[in-house]
Protein backbone atom coordinates (compact mmCIF):
# COMPACT_ATOMS: atom_id res chain seq x y z
CA MET A 1 0.00 0.00 0.00
CA ILE A 2 1.26 3.50 -0.77
CA ASP A 3 1.63 6.06 2.01
CA VAL A 4 -0.04 9.32 0.96
CA THR A 5 0.26 12.68 2.70
CA ARG A 6 -2.42 15.07 1.49
CA PHE A 7 -1.04 18.59 1.29
CA ASP A 8 -4.11 19.95 3.11
CA ASP A 9 -3.30 17.59 6.01
CA ALA A 10 0.43 18.38 6.23
CA LYS A 11 1.52 19.84 9.56
CA ALA A 12 3.90 22.75 10.02
CA TYR A 13 7.04 22.24 12.08
CA ASP A 14 9.66 24.58 13.53
CA ALA A 15 12.78 24.60 11.36
CA LYS A 16 15.62 25.66 13.66
CA GLY A 17 17.59 28.68 12.41
CA HIS A 18 14.99 29.59 9.76
CA PHE A 19 13.04 32.85 9.64
CA GLY A 20 10.22 34.34 7.57
CA MET A 21 9.11 30.92 6.42
CA THR A 22 6.83 27.98 7.04
CA ALA A 23 8.03 24.37 6.87
CA MET A 24 5.81 21.31 6.52
CA ARG A 25 6.85 17.67 6.61
CA LEU A 26 5.40 15.67 3.69
CA GLN A 27 7.11 12.28 4.09
CA GLY A 28 9.19 10.55 6.75
CA GLN A 29 10.15 11.56 10.30
CA GLY A 30 6.97 10.22 11.85
CA VAL A 31 4.59 11.55 9.19
CA THR A 32 4.79 8.36 7.11
CA GLY A 33 6.68 5.07 7.32
CA LEU A 34 9.52 6.35 5.12
CA GLU A 35 12.76 5.54 6.96
CA ASP A 36 15.69 6.37 4.66
CA TYR A 37 15.02 10.08 4.15
CA TRP A 38 12.38 12.78 4.64
CA VAL A 39 10.71 15.31 2.35
CA GLY A 40 9.62 18.79 3.41
CA PHE A 41 7.84 21.69 1.76
CA SER A 42 9.02 25.20 2.63
CA THR A 43 7.49 28.57 1.82
CA PHE A 44 9.83 31.55 2.21
CA LEU A 45 8.36 35.04 2.37
CA PRO A 46 10.31 37.97 0.91
CA GLY A 47 13.37 38.41 3.14
CA GLY A 48 12.91 34.95 4.68
CA GLY A 49 15.67 32.40 4.84
CA ALA A 50 17.95 30.31 7.00
CA ASP A 51 20.95 31.34 9.08
CA LYS A 52 24.43 30.09 8.23
CA ALA A 53 24.67 26.49 9.44
CA ALA A 54 25.88 23.03 8.45
CA ALA A 55 24.05 19.72 8.77
CA PRO A 56 25.63 16.26 9.20
CA THR A 57 23.52 14.99 6.27
CA GLY A 58 23.27 16.29 2.72
CA LYS A 59 20.18 18.04 1.44
CA VAL A 60 18.54 18.56 -1.93
CA TYR A 61 16.58 21.75 -2.57
CA VAL A 62 14.07 21.84 -5.44
CA VAL A 63 12.51 25.24 -6.13
CA LEU A 64 8.91 24.97 -7.29
CA GLU A 65 8.12 28.67 -7.43
CA GLY A 66 10.27 31.81 -7.26
CA GLU A 67 14.01 31.93 -6.66
CA ILE A 68 16.21 31.61 -3.61
CA THR A 69 19.85 32.52 -3.01
CA VAL A 70 22.04 29.82 -1.48
CA THR A 71 25.33 31.07 -0.04
CA THR A 72 28.29 28.78 0.73
CA ALA A 73 32.04 29.35 1.07
CA GLU A 74 32.11 29.26 -2.75
CA GLY A 75 29.76 32.27 -2.99
CA ASP A 76 26.15 32.94 -3.91
CA THR A 77 24.07 30.72 -6.20
CA VAL A 78 20.55 31.67 -7.27
CA ILE A 79 18.25 28.68 -7.66
CA GLY A 80 15.12 29.38 -9.74
CA LYS A 81 11.88 27.64 -10.62
CA TYR A 82 12.44 23.89 -11.26
CA ASP A 83 16.17 24.23 -10.48
CA SER A 84 17.67 22.03 -7.80
CA CYS A 85 20.90 21.88 -5.84
CA TYR A 86 22.64 19.40 -3.57
CA ILE A 87 24.25 20.64 -0.35
CA PRO A 88 26.84 18.03 0.77
CA PRO A 89 27.04 16.94 4.43
CA ASN A 90 28.81 19.36 6.80
CA THR A 91 28.70 22.22 4.26
CA GLU A 92 27.95 25.60 5.81
CA ARG A 93 25.19 27.37 3.92
CA SER A 94 22.71 30.16 4.36
CA ILE A 95 19.67 30.85 2.24
CA VAL A 96 17.60 33.98 1.63
CA ASN A 97 14.66 34.98 -0.50
CA ALA A 98 16.00 38.27 -1.86
CA THR A 99 12.92 38.85 -4.05
CA ASN A 100 9.50 40.38 -3.43
CA HIS A 101 7.75 37.09 -4.23
CA ALA A 102 7.13 34.01 -2.09
CA VAL A 103 9.35 30.98 -2.77
CA GLN A 104 8.09 27.40 -2.58
CA MET A 105 10.72 24.70 -2.22
CA LEU A 106 10.98 20.95 -1.57
CA VAL A 107 13.68 19.79 0.81
CA ILE A 108 14.87 16.18 0.64
CA SER A 109 17.32 14.83 3.21
CA PRO A 110 18.45 11.48 4.59
CA ASN A 111 17.61 10.74 8.21
């Protein structure tokens, strides 16, 4: 049997170090039986983002609407609609929505 999370039933959670945004868990981490990784949906308001931090696991960002700026030691990278990027484990990054439009993004990360 497939494990479906209806978007209207998704619950918001507090994403540590993030501001001006809402995060919802879609798969994994207690929402469904997915064990290997989790999938989240984030909405960043204009000026919203995440403080500089590193995670022990890698992450994939997939922008569904708008554009977001990802900053690492290598500099700034703008990720636009349908673009994706991979942030390797232990890589310091910050993100910011530097536009006047909301950004919608999927986040995929191993547990």
